[in-house]
C-alpha atoms as a PDB file:
ATOM      1  CA  THR A   1      43.443 181.032  38.225  1.00  0.00           C
ATOM      2  CA  THR A   2      43.624 184.638  39.937  1.00  0.00           C
ATOM      3  CA  LEU A   3      41.265 185.545  37.558  1.00  0.00           C
ATOM      4  CA  PRO A   4      37.876 187.317  39.063  1.00  0.00           C
ATOM      5  CA  MET A   5      35.475 184.508  38.230  1.00  0.00           C
ATOM      6  CA  GLY A   6      33.973 181.441  39.537  1.00  0.00           C
ATOM      7  CA  GLY A   7      33.398 178.110  38.759  1.00  0.00           C
ATOM      8  CA  GLY A   8      30.691 175.545  38.262  1.00  0.00           C
ATOM      9  CA  LYS A   9      29.561 172.334  36.202  1.00  0.00           C
ATOM     10  CA  GLY A  10      26.975 171.398  34.087  1.00  0.00           C
ATOM     11  CA  GLY A  11      25.806 169.732  31.020  1.00  0.00           C
ATOM     12  CA  SER A  12      23.330 167.219  29.188  1.00  0.00           C
ATOM     13  CA  ASP A  13      22.748 163.403  28.621  1.00  0.00           C
ATOM     14  CA  PHE A  14      22.929 163.831  24.279  1.00  0.00           C
ATOM     15  CA  ASP A  15      25.007 160.947  22.905  1.00  0.00           C
ATOM     16  CA  PRO A  16      26.769 162.949  19.827  1.00  0.00           C
ATOM     17  CA  LYS A  17      28.047 159.818  18.420  1.00  0.00           C
ATOM     18  CA  GLY A  18      26.679 158.551  15.023  1.00  0.00           C
ATOM     19  CA  LYS A  19      24.808 161.794  15.193  1.00  0.00           C
ATOM     20  CA  SER A  20      24.697 164.134  11.937  1.00  0.00           C
ATOM     21  CA  ASP A  21      26.013 167.931  11.850  1.00  0.00           C
ATOM     22  CA  ASN A  22      22.196 169.092  11.781  1.00  0.00           C
ATOM     23  CA  GLU A  23      20.771 166.479  14.752  1.00  0.00           C
ATOM     24  CA  ILE A  24      23.616 168.187  16.992  1.00  0.00           C
ATOM     25  CA  MET A  25      22.841 171.595  16.009  1.00  0.00           C
ATOM     26  CA  ARG A  26      19.384 171.206  16.413  1.00  0.00           C
ATOM     27  CA  PHE A  27      20.151 169.755  19.989  1.00  0.00           C
ATOM     28  CA  CYS A  28      22.252 172.564  20.727  1.00  0.00           C
ATOM     29  CA  GLN A  29      19.732 175.076  19.692  1.00  0.00           C
ATOM     30  CA  SER A  30      17.078 173.106  22.092  1.00  0.00           C
ATOM     31  CA  PHE A  31      19.478 173.085  25.025  1.00  0.00           C
ATOM     32  CA  MET A  32      20.358 176.817  24.720  1.00  0.00           C
ATOM     33  CA  THR A  33      16.511 177.969  24.421  1.00  0.00           C
ATOM     34  CA  GLU A  34      16.097 176.628  28.155  1.00  0.00           C
ATOM     35  CA  LEU A  35      20.009 177.375  29.056  1.00  0.00           C
ATOM     36  CA  SER A  36      19.638 181.226  28.356  1.00  0.00           C
ATOM     37  CA  LYS A  37      17.468 181.922  30.965  1.00  0.00           C
ATOM     38  CA  HIS A  38      20.239 180.882  33.281  1.00  0.00           C
ATOM     39  CA  ILE A  39      23.300 182.422  31.950  1.00  0.00           C
ATOM     40  CA  GLY A  40      25.039 186.188  30.714  1.00  0.00           C
ATOM     41  CA  ALA A  41      28.083 188.123  30.503  1.00  0.00           C
ATOM     42  CA  ASP A  42      28.044 188.968  33.969  1.00  0.00           C
ATOM     43  CA  THR A  43      26.174 185.619  35.401  1.00  0.00           C
ATOM     44  CA  ASP A  44      27.723 182.328  34.499  1.00  0.00           C
ATOM     45  CA  VAL A  45      29.621 182.134  31.363  1.00  0.00           C
ATOM     46  CA  PRO A  46      29.983 178.539  29.899  1.00  0.00           C
ATOM     47  CA  ALA A  47      32.710 177.055  28.228  1.00  0.00           C
ATOM     48  CA  GLY A  48      33.294 173.089  26.467  1.00  0.00           C
ATOM     49  CA  ASP A  49      34.403 169.873  28.088  1.00  0.00           C
ATOM     50  CA  ILE A  50      33.680 166.522  26.731  1.00  0.00           C
ATOM     51  CA  GLY A  51      32.016 166.316  23.551  1.00  0.00           C
ATOM     52  CA  THR A  52      31.702 170.063  23.717  1.00  0.00           C
ATOM     53  CA  GLY A  53      34.099 171.879  21.194  1.00  0.00           C
ATOM     54  CA  ALA A  54      33.926 175.043  18.707  1.00  0.00           C
ATOM     55  CA  ARG A  55      31.118 173.626  16.640  1.00  0.00           C
ATOM     56  CA  GLU A  56      28.803 173.082  19.574  1.00  0.00           C
ATOM     57  CA  ILE A  57      29.927 176.239  21.305  1.00  0.00           C
ATOM     58  CA  GLY A  58      29.195 178.070  17.629  1.00  0.00           C
ATOM     59  CA  TYR A  59      25.649 176.342  17.463  1.00  0.00           C
ATOM     60  CA  MET A  60      24.530 177.751  20.965  1.00  0.00           C
ATOM     61  CA  PHE A  61      26.054 180.978  20.832  1.00  0.00           C
ATOM     62  CA  GLY A  62      24.167 181.436  17.802  1.00  0.00           C
ATOM     63  CA  GLN A  63      20.987 180.252  19.258  1.00  0.00           C
ATOM     64  CA  TYR A  64      21.627 182.619  22.000  1.00  0.00           C
ATOM     65  CA  LYS A  65      22.134 185.735  19.934  1.00  0.00           C
ATOM     66  CA  ARG A  66      18.950 185.011  18.276  1.00  0.00           C
ATOM     67  CA  LEU A  67      17.142 184.617  21.711  1.00  0.00           C
ATOM     68  CA  ARG A  68      18.731 187.724  23.230  1.00  0.00           C
ATOM     69  CA  ASN A  69      19.232 189.966  20.367  1.00  0.00           C
ATOM     70  CA  GLU A  70      22.827 190.830  21.532  1.00  0.00           C
ATOM     71  CA  PHE A  71      26.386 189.990  21.242  1.00  0.00           C
ATOM     72  CA  THR A  72      27.971 189.345  24.483  1.00  0.00           C
ATOM     73  CA  GLY A  73      30.694 186.997  25.219  1.00  0.00           C
ATOM     74  CA  VAL A  74      28.410 184.848  27.108  1.00  0.00           C
ATOM     75  CA  LEU A  75      30.122 181.492  25.679  1.00  0.00           C
ATOM     76  CA  THR A  76      33.856 180.835  25.631  1.00  0.00           C
ATOM     77  CA  GLY A  77      35.757 178.501  22.997  1.00  0.00           C
ATOM     78  CA  LYS A  78      34.129 180.407  20.237  1.00  0.00           C
ATOM     79  CA  GLY A  79      35.477 180.193  16.820  1.00  0.00           C
ATOM     80  CA  LEU A  80      37.769 182.979  16.093  1.00  0.00           C
ATOM     81  CA  SER A  81      35.480 184.840  13.404  1.00  0.00           C
ATOM     82  CA  TYR A  82      32.771 185.344  16.138  1.00  0.00           C
ATOM     83  CA  GLY A  83      34.516 186.624  19.462  1.00  0.00           C
ATOM     84  CA  GLY A  84      36.833 183.412  19.944  1.00  0.00           C
ATOM     85  CA  SER A  85      40.205 183.681  21.296  1.00  0.00           C
ATOM     86  CA  LEU A  86      43.667 182.726  19.659  1.00  0.00           C
ATOM     87  CA  ALA A  87      45.295 179.943  22.106  1.00  0.00           C
ATOM     88  CA  ARG A  88      41.728 178.748  23.739  1.00  0.00           C
ATOM     89  CA  THR A  89      42.038 175.685  21.810  1.00  0.00           C
ATOM     90  CA  GLU A  90      45.484 174.735  23.250  1.00  0.00           C
ATOM     91  CA  ALA A  91      44.925 176.367  26.496  1.00  0.00           C
ATOM     92  CA  THR A  92      44.411 173.065  28.778  1.00  0.00           C
ATOM     93  CA  GLY A  93      46.845 170.929  26.819  1.00  0.00           C
ATOM     94  CA  TYR A  94      49.661 173.916  26.708  1.00  0.00           C
ATOM     95  CA  GLY A  95      48.885 174.847  30.310  1.00  0.00           C
ATOM     96  CA  LEU A  96      49.063 171.406  31.888  1.00  0.00           C
ATOM     97  CA  LEU A  97      52.534 171.165  30.260  1.00  0.00           C
ATOM     98  CA  TYR A  98      53.554 174.948  31.737  1.00  0.00           C
ATOM     99  CA  PHE A  99      52.280 173.576  35.242  1.00  0.00           C
ATOM    100  CA  THR A 100      54.476 170.091  34.875  1.00  0.00           C
ATOM    101  CA  GLU A 101      57.363 172.151  33.960  1.00  0.00           C
ATOM    102  CA  GLU A 102      57.493 174.277  37.053  1.00  0.00           C
ATOM    103  CA  MET A 103      56.632 171.340  39.019  1.00  0.00           C
ATOM    104  CA  MET A 104      59.569 169.741  38.019  1.00  0.00           C
ATOM    105  CA  SER A 105      62.021 172.726  37.827  1.00  0.00           C
ATOM    106  CA  CYS A 106      60.783 173.596  41.315  1.00  0.00           C
ATOM    107  CA  MET A 107      60.740 170.580  43.522  1.00  0.00           C
ATOM    108  CA  LYS A 108      62.820 168.202  41.941  1.00  0.00           C
ATOM    109  CA  ASN A 109      65.437 170.558  39.546  1.00  0.00           C
ATOM    110  CA  ASP A 110      64.232 168.847  36.710  1.00  0.00           C
ATOM    111  CA  THR A 111      62.708 169.224  33.192  1.00  0.00           C
ATOM    112  CA  VAL A 112      60.218 167.565  30.735  1.00  0.00           C
ATOM    113  CA  LYS A 113      62.936 167.397  28.261  1.00  0.00           C
ATOM    114  CA  GLY A 114      64.335 164.119  27.411  1.00  0.00           C
ATOM    115  CA  LYS A 115      61.105 162.208  29.077  1.00  0.00           C
ATOM    116  CA  THR A 116      59.358 159.506  27.649  1.00  0.00           C
ATOM    117  CA  VAL A 117      55.746 160.756  28.173  1.00  0.00           C
ATOM    118  CA  VAL A 118      52.115 158.993  28.122  1.00  0.00           C
ATOM    119  CA  ILE A 119      49.244 160.892  27.423  1.00  0.00           C
ATOM    120  CA  SER A 120      45.627 159.286  27.388  1.00  0.00           C
ATOM    121  CA  GLY A 121      42.696 160.683  25.386  1.00  0.00           C
ATOM    122  CA  SER A 122      42.632 162.446  21.812  1.00  0.00           C
ATOM    123  CA  GLY A 123      41.079 165.459  21.867  1.00  0.00           C
ATOM    124  CA  ASN A 124      42.012 169.051  22.455  1.00  0.00           C
ATOM    125  CA  VAL A 125      43.745 168.421  25.861  1.00  0.00           C
ATOM    126  CA  ALA A 126      45.618 165.524  24.728  1.00  0.00           C
ATOM    127  CA  ILE A 127      46.739 166.864  21.303  1.00  0.00           C
ATOM    128  CA  TYR A 128      47.856 170.235  22.465  1.00  0.00           C
ATOM    129  CA  ALA A 129      49.588 168.720  25.630  1.00  0.00           C
ATOM    130  CA  THR A 130      51.440 166.135  23.412  1.00  0.00           C
ATOM    131  CA  GLU A 131      52.561 169.277  20.931  1.00  0.00           C
ATOM    132  CA  LYS A 132      53.880 171.292  23.603  1.00  0.00           C
ATOM    133  CA  ALA A 133      55.547 168.218  25.600  1.00  0.00           C
ATOM    134  CA  GLN A 134      57.154 167.491  21.966  1.00  0.00           C
ATOM    135  CA  ALA A 135      58.171 171.134  21.895  1.00  0.00           C
ATOM    136  CA  MET A 136      59.909 170.933  25.034  1.00  0.00           C
ATOM    137  CA  GLY A 137      61.835 167.971  24.078  1.00  0.00           C
ATOM    138  CA  ALA A 138      59.895 165.192  25.541  1.00  0.00           C
ATOM    139  CA  LYS A 139      58.654 161.868  23.444  1.00  0.00           C
ATOM    140  CA  VAL A 140      55.212 161.257  23.669  1.00  0.00           C
ATOM    141  CA  VAL A 141      54.673 157.246  22.903  1.00  0.00           C
ATOM    142  CA  ALA A 142      50.882 156.891  23.406  1.00  0.00           C
ATOM    143  CA  LEU A 143      47.404 158.610  23.273  1.00  0.00           C
ATOM    144  CA  SER A 144      44.189 156.657  23.333  1.00  0.00           C
ATOM    145  CA  ASP A 145      40.184 157.126  22.564  1.00  0.00           C
ATOM    146  CA  SER A 146      36.978 155.843  24.311  1.00  0.00           C
ATOM    147  CA  ASN A 147      37.915 152.515  22.371  1.00  0.00           C
ATOM    148  CA  GLY A 148      41.676 151.761  22.836  1.00  0.00           C
ATOM    149  CA  TYR A 149      45.023 152.866  22.539  1.00  0.00           C
ATOM    150  CA  ILE A 150      47.877 153.600  20.202  1.00  0.00           C
ATOM    151  CA  TYR A 151      51.634 152.905  20.779  1.00  0.00           C
ATOM    152  CA  ASP A 152      54.508 154.321  18.839  1.00  0.00           C
ATOM    153  CA  PRO A 153      57.711 153.607  20.155  1.00  0.00           C
ATOM    154  CA  ASN A 154      59.323 156.604  17.950  1.00  0.00           C
ATOM    155  CA  GLY A 155      57.277 158.898  19.082  1.00  0.00           C
ATOM    156  CA  ILE A 156      53.511 160.260  18.392  1.00  0.00           C
ATOM    157  CA  LYS A 157      53.194 161.776  15.064  1.00  0.00           C
ATOM    158  CA  LEU A 158      51.323 164.588  15.804  1.00  0.00           C
ATOM    159  CA  ASP A 159      50.172 165.371  12.350  1.00  0.00           C
ATOM    160  CA  VAL A 160      48.864 162.141  11.808  1.00  0.00           C
ATOM    161  CA  VAL A 161      46.510 162.613  14.864  1.00  0.00           C
ATOM    162  CA  LYS A 162      45.152 166.019  13.876  1.00  0.00           C
ATOM    163  CA  GLN A 163      44.409 164.835  10.632  1.00  0.00           C
ATOM    164  CA  ILE A 164      42.393 161.611  11.877  1.00  0.00           C
ATOM    165  CA  LYS A 165      40.529 163.287  15.418  1.00  0.00           C
ATOM    166  CA  GLU A 166      40.629 167.243  14.352  1.00  0.00           C
ATOM    167  CA  VAL A 167      39.762 166.809   9.881  1.00  0.00           C
ATOM    168  CA  GLU A 168      37.956 163.368   9.733  1.00  0.00           C
ATOM    169  CA  ARG A 169      36.555 163.244  13.190  1.00  0.00           C
ATOM    170  CA  GLY A 170      38.072 159.452  12.876  1.00  0.00           C
ATOM    171  CA  ARG A 171      39.051 156.783  16.041  1.00  0.00           C
ATOM    172  CA  ILE A 172      42.644 156.612  17.255  1.00  0.00           C
ATOM    173  CA  LYS A 173      42.822 153.208  15.703  1.00  0.00           C
ATOM    174  CA  GLU A 174      43.128 154.335  12.215  1.00  0.00           C
ATOM    175  CA  TYR A 175      46.725 155.830  12.938  1.00  0.00           C
ATOM    176  CA  VAL A 176      48.273 152.193  12.810  1.00  0.00           C
ATOM    177  CA  ASN A 177      47.183 152.112   9.394  1.00  0.00           C
ATOM    178  CA  ARG A 178      49.676 155.470   8.675  1.00  0.00           C
ATOM    179  CA  VAL A 179      52.596 154.833  10.688  1.00  0.00           C
ATOM    180  CA  GLU A 180      54.746 152.036  10.693  1.00  0.00           C
ATOM    181  CA  GLY A 181      55.662 150.173  13.529  1.00  0.00           C
ATOM    182  CA  ALA A 182      52.846 151.725  15.753  1.00  0.00           C
ATOM    183  CA  THR A 183      50.403 149.328  17.313  1.00  0.00           C
ATOM    184  CA  TYR A 184      46.719 149.516  18.453  1.00  0.00           C
ATOM    185  CA  THR A 185      45.298 147.762  21.514  1.00  0.00           C
ATOM    186  CA  GLU A 186      41.562 147.635  22.388  1.00  0.00           C
ATOM    187  CA  GLY A 187      40.787 149.011  25.516  1.00  0.00           C
ATOM    188  CA  CYS A 188      42.052 151.937  27.485  1.00  0.00           C
ATOM    189  CA  LYS A 189      42.691 151.283  30.763  1.00  0.00           C
ATOM    190  CA  GLY A 190      46.264 149.287  29.016  1.00  0.00           C
ATOM    191  CA  ILE A 191      47.724 152.113  28.010  1.00  0.00           C
ATOM    192  CA  TRP A 192      48.992 152.691  31.991  1.00  0.00           C
ATOM    193  CA  THR A 193      51.016 149.391  31.703  1.00  0.00           C
ATOM    194  CA  ILE A 194      53.293 151.119  29.176  1.00  0.00           C
ATOM    195  CA  LYS A 195      56.752 152.319  30.719  1.00  0.00           C
ATOM    196  CA  CYS A 196      56.906 156.078  31.027  1.00  0.00           C
ATOM    197  CA  ASP A 197      58.537 158.824  32.780  1.00  0.00           C
ATOM    198  CA  VAL A 198      55.693 161.075  33.001  1.00  0.00           C
ATOM    199  CA  ALA A 199      52.078 160.588  32.754  1.00  0.00           C
ATOM    200  CA  LEU A 200      49.287 162.834  31.759  1.00  0.00           C
ATOM    201  CA  PRO A 201      45.953 161.610  32.104  1.00  0.00           C
ATOM    202  CA  CYS A 202      43.905 164.025  29.868  1.00  0.00           C
ATOM    203  CA  ALA A 203      40.828 161.484  28.558  1.00  0.00           C
ATOM    204  CA  THR A 204      37.776 161.466  31.611  1.00  0.00           C
ATOM    205  CA  GLN A 205      37.322 160.724  35.368  1.00  0.00           C
ATOM    206  CA  ASN A 206      38.383 157.955  37.073  1.00  0.00           C
ATOM    207  CA  GLU A 207      41.060 156.626  34.453  1.00  0.00           C
ATOM    208  CA  ILE A 208      43.675 155.606  36.381  1.00  0.00           C
ATOM    209  CA  ASP A 209      42.479 153.366  39.534  1.00  0.00           C
ATOM    210  CA  GLY A 210      44.501 151.989  41.651  1.00  0.00           C
ATOM    211  CA  GLU A 211      45.800 148.785  40.005  1.00  0.00           C
ATOM    212  CA  SER A 212      47.059 151.205  37.573  1.00  0.00           C
ATOM    213  CA  ALA A 213      48.664 153.688  39.853  1.00  0.00           C
ATOM    214  CA  ASP A 214      50.717 150.382  40.887  1.00  0.00           C
ATOM    215  CA  ILE A 215      51.808 149.382  37.517  1.00  0.00           C
ATOM    216  CA  LEU A 216      52.766 153.186  36.821  1.00  0.00           C
ATOM    217  CA  LEU A 217      54.935 153.085  40.110  1.00  0.00           C
ATOM    218  CA  LYS A 218      56.752 149.735  39.340  1.00  0.00           C
ATOM    219  CA  ASN A 219      57.203 150.842  35.763  1.00  0.00           C
ATOM    220  CA  GLY A 220      59.238 153.749  37.605  1.00  0.00           C
ATOM    221  CA  VAL A 221      57.021 157.066  36.728  1.00  0.00           C
ATOM    222  CA  GLN A 222      58.069 160.295  38.507  1.00  0.00           C
ATOM    223  CA  VAL A 223      55.162 162.754  37.377  1.00  0.00           C
ATOM    224  CA  VAL A 224      51.927 162.626  36.981  1.00  0.00           C
ATOM    225  CA  ALA A 225      49.940 165.704  36.332  1.00  0.00           C
ATOM    226  CA  GLU A 226      46.016 165.343  35.411  1.00  0.00           C
ATOM    227  CA  GLY A 227      44.995 167.142  32.340  1.00  0.00           C
ATOM    228  CA  ALA A 228      41.371 165.726  32.758  1.00  0.00           C
ATOM    229  CA  ASN A 229      38.971 166.406  35.250  1.00  0.00           C
ATOM    230  CA  MET A 230      39.351 163.973  38.269  1.00  0.00           C
ATOM    231  CA  PRO A 231      41.099 161.535  36.053  1.00  0.00           C
ATOM    232  CA  SER A 232      42.658 159.748  39.231  1.00  0.00           C
ATOM    233  CA  THR A 233      40.584 157.565  41.640  1.00  0.00           C
ATOM    234  CA  PRO A 234      40.896 158.458  45.231  1.00  0.00           C
ATOM    235  CA  GLU A 235      42.935 155.166  45.797  1.00  0.00           C
ATOM    236  CA  ALA A 236      45.372 155.858  42.814  1.00  0.00           C
ATOM    237  CA  ILE A 237      46.078 159.659  44.565  1.00  0.00           C
ATOM    238  CA  ASP A 238      46.931 158.216  47.803  1.00  0.00           C
ATOM    239  CA  LYS A 239      49.152 155.572  46.229  1.00  0.00           C
ATOM    240  CA  PHE A 240      51.139 158.296  44.368  1.00  0.00           C
ATOM    241  CA  LEU A 241      51.580 160.417  47.357  1.00  0.00           C
ATOM    242  CA  ALA A 242      52.534 157.950  49.591  1.00  0.00           C
ATOM    243  CA  ALA A 243      55.262 157.175  46.523  1.00  0.00           C
ATOM    244  CA  GLY A 244      56.587 160.619  47.054  1.00  0.00           C
ATOM    245  CA  ILE A 245      56.339 160.880  42.942  1.00  0.00           C
ATOM    246  CA  LEU A 246      55.193 164.561  41.716  1.00  0.00           C
ATOM    247  CA  PHE A 247      51.558 164.776  41.513  1.00  0.00           C
ATOM    248  CA  GLY A 248      49.719 167.389  39.713  1.00  0.00           C
ATOM    249  CA  PRO A 249      46.085 167.708  40.727  1.00  0.00           C
ATOM    250  CA  ALA A 250      43.424 168.258  38.044  1.00  0.00           C
ATOM    251  CA  LYS A 251      41.983 171.500  39.841  1.00  0.00           C
ATOM    252  CA  ALA A 252      45.336 173.202  39.325  1.00  0.00           C
ATOM    253  CA  ALA A 253      47.198 171.350  36.658  1.00  0.00           C
ATOM    254  CA  ASN A 254      44.456 171.659  33.995  1.00  0.00           C
ATOM    255  CA  ALA A 255      43.440 175.387  34.753  1.00  0.00           C
ATOM    256  CA  GLY A 256      44.782 176.380  31.835  1.00  0.00           C
ATOM    257  CA  GLY A 257      41.445 175.980  29.638  1.00  0.00           C
ATOM    258  CA  VAL A 258      39.536 177.889  32.323  1.00  0.00           C
ATOM    259  CA  ALA A 259      41.844 180.444  32.882  1.00  0.00           C
ATOM    260  CA  THR A 260      41.958 181.066  29.046  1.00  0.00           C
ATOM    261  CA  SER A 261      38.005 181.356  29.043  1.00  0.00           C
ATOM    262  CA  GLY A 262      38.779 184.123  31.496  1.00  0.00           C
ATOM    263  CA  LEU A 263      41.227 185.725  29.056  1.00  0.00           C
ATOM    264  CA  GLU A 264      38.712 185.640  25.964  1.00  0.00           C
ATOM    265  CA  MET A 265      35.725 187.054  28.641  1.00  0.00           C
ATOM    266  CA  SER A 266      38.541 189.900  28.911  1.00  0.00           C
ATOM    267  CA  GLN A 267      38.847 190.401  25.377  1.00  0.00           C
ATOM    268  CA  ASN A 268      34.990 190.050  24.502  1.00  0.00           C
ATOM    269  CA  SER A 269      34.401 193.155  27.263  1.00  0.00           C
ATOM    270  CA  GLU A 270      37.376 195.036  25.785  1.00  0.00           C
ATOM    271  CA  ARG A 271      35.894 194.695  22.046  1.00  0.00           C
ATOM    272  CA  LEU A 272      39.433 193.522  21.565  1.00  0.00           C
ATOM    273  CA  SER A 273      41.481 190.285  20.302  1.00  0.00           C
ATOM    274  CA  TRP A 274      45.057 189.502  21.458  1.00  0.00           C
ATOM    275  CA  THR A 275      47.574 187.852  19.600  1.00  0.00           C
ATOM    276  CA  PHE A 276      48.555 184.015  20.374  1.00  0.00           C
ATOM    277  CA  GLU A 277      51.756 184.972  21.906  1.00  0.00           C
ATOM    278  CA  GLU A 278      49.941 187.581  24.116  1.00  0.00           C
ATOM    279  CA  VAL A 279      47.187 185.211  25.453  1.00  0.00           C
ATOM    280  CA  ASP A 280      49.910 182.257  25.304  1.00  0.00           C
ATOM    281  CA  ALA A 281      52.330 184.394  27.770  1.00  0.00           C
ATOM    282  CA  LYS A 282      49.678 185.246  29.819  1.00  0.00           C
ATOM    283  CA  LEU A 283      48.723 181.528  29.976  1.00  0.00           C
ATOM    284  CA  LYS A 284      52.058 180.695  31.086  1.00  0.00           C
ATOM    285  CA  GLY A 285      52.193 182.980  33.859  1.00  0.00           C
ATOM    286  CA  ILE A 286      48.941 182.007  35.090  1.00  0.00           C
ATOM    287  CA  MET A 287      49.640 178.384  35.182  1.00  0.00           C
ATOM    288  CA  ILE A 288      53.005 179.371  36.813  1.00  0.00           C
ATOM    289  CA  ASN A 289      51.419 181.301  39.610  1.00  0.00           C
ATOM    290  CA  ILE A 290      48.934 178.529  40.146  1.00  0.00           C
ATOM    291  CA  PHE A 291      51.589 175.893  40.846  1.00  0.00           C
ATOM    292  CA  HIS A 292      52.998 178.405  43.215  1.00  0.00           C
ATOM    293  CA  ASN A 293      50.078 178.952  45.058  1.00  0.00           C
ATOM    294  CA  ALA A 294      49.441 175.468  45.645  1.00  0.00           C
ATOM    295  CA  TYR A 295      53.085 174.698  46.359  1.00  0.00           C
ATOM    296  CA  ASP A 296      53.478 177.737  48.850  1.00  0.00           C
ATOM    297  CA  ARG A 297      50.555 176.742  50.647  1.00  0.00           C
ATOM    298  CA  SER A 298      51.424 173.183  51.139  1.00  0.00           C
ATOM    299  CA  LYS A 299      55.420 174.618  52.862  1.00  0.00           C
ATOM    300  CA  GLU A 300      52.845 176.950  54.918  1.00  0.00           C
ATOM    301  CA  TYR A 301      50.662 174.044  56.238  1.00  0.00           C
ATOM    302  CA  ASP A 302      53.407 171.604  57.228  1.00  0.00           C
ATOM    303  CA  VAL A 303      52.645 169.144  53.915  1.00  0.00           C
ATOM    304  CA  GLU A 304      55.331 170.600  51.649  1.00  0.00           C
ATOM    305  CA  GLY A 305      55.011 169.086  48.056  1.00  0.00           C
ATOM    306  CA  ASN A 306      51.370 167.888  48.747  1.00  0.00           C
ATOM    307  CA  LEU A 307      50.071 169.782  45.889  1.00  0.00           C
ATOM    308  CA  VAL A 308      46.488 168.317  46.492  1.00  0.00           C
ATOM    309  CA  VAL A 309      46.206 169.579  50.026  1.00  0.00           C
ATOM    310  CA  GLY A 310      48.161 172.906  49.009  1.00  0.00           C
ATOM    311  CA  ALA A 311      45.482 173.386  45.902  1.00  0.00           C
ATOM    312  CA  ASN A 312      42.338 172.857  48.335  1.00  0.00           C
ATOM    313  CA  ILE A 313      43.877 174.948  50.665  1.00  0.00           C
ATOM    314  CA  ALA A 314      44.603 177.874  48.072  1.00  0.00           C
ATOM    315  CA  GLY A 315      41.334 177.536  46.930  1.00  0.00           C
ATOM    316  CA  PHE A 316      39.629 177.441  50.159  1.00  0.00           C
ATOM    317  CA  LEU A 317      41.582 180.692  51.364  1.00  0.00           C
ATOM    318  CA  LYS A 318      40.636 182.678  48.492  1.00  0.00           C
ATOM    319  CA  VAL A 319      36.606 181.744  48.863  1.00  0.00           C
ATOM    320  CA  ALA A 320      36.469 182.366  52.676  1.00  0.00           C
ATOM    321  CA  ASP A 321      38.563 185.424  52.429  1.00  0.00           C
ATOM    322  CA  ALA A 322      36.128 186.797  50.208  1.00  0.00           C
ATOM    323  CA  MET A 323      33.190 185.554  51.961  1.00  0.00           C
ATOM    324  CA  LYS A 324      34.588 187.387  55.166  1.00  0.00           C
ATOM    325  CA  TRP A 325      35.430 190.696  53.408  1.00  0.00           C
ATOM    326  CA  GLN A 326      31.875 190.605  51.939  1.00  0.00           C
ATOM    327  CA  GLY A 327      29.886 189.652  54.871  1.00  0.00           C
ATOM    328  CA  VAL A 328      28.873 186.322  55.686  1.00  0.00           C
ATOM    329  CA  ALA A 329      25.692 185.901  55.391  1.00  0.00           C
ATOM    330  CA  TYR A 330      23.352 184.157  58.232  1.00  0.00           C
END
């Protein structure tokens, strides 16, 4: 992201499905009671991921303040009323499309406009990837959740999806009861059998396996860019690269969320709140830069167009260079 921050992963085995707000709040508070010993605004700053949105971040942030008696930007993805950043909710989905558009423009002299797009998931990443794709002139025809997927040949009506997922916290299958012509199919895997030009997996890890990759390629997919973390299996990635289509790996393509977390940390440190347009412009610049970092390294190391290798090399070189100049510890 070019931002002065590292990265790591952690989580819990708590399942929020079927739990009340109070049960989720009590879990988040208990979780933070232990986690607070290990994090800080200048140590590690957690952000949300699967199952963790503004509600959960708020519960954890409140508990951290009670325990430490201080206000710092120790969590990102906060609500706007207590230190959050505009555009943080939209960031991963928007960033994915900024990356995809730049990849298509630079490598194929093409654009998202007019393309048929399939997006898996229906959380923050999928919803705002859909919003930005539609704004760029693409037609998004499918979304999913952990139970199954919807197909709307006329193009997804995002206002209906937002009502179901963000307001009612319902299941995606309810879409077909409100939109004529849409169909719902149980099971998630079948979403990749829908013919599309651009596939954006935005749900969970390992959702595109080798079999699904074969079907996507047979149906003429031109671009795959990962909005979720590691949604394509190694076998699927090998097939995409061998076929010569554009493939944007997650570590580069979905970095918009963590990038905007970095921007939220900056605002917290400065005690400022930037406008949506300011944050969105910075996000777009970061995503374009991320693409070119990966693409330029792929050219430099004789694997032009292989953004998986390019992104790995770009990331490795940044860490290795920092280690070298700070003194390698033996």
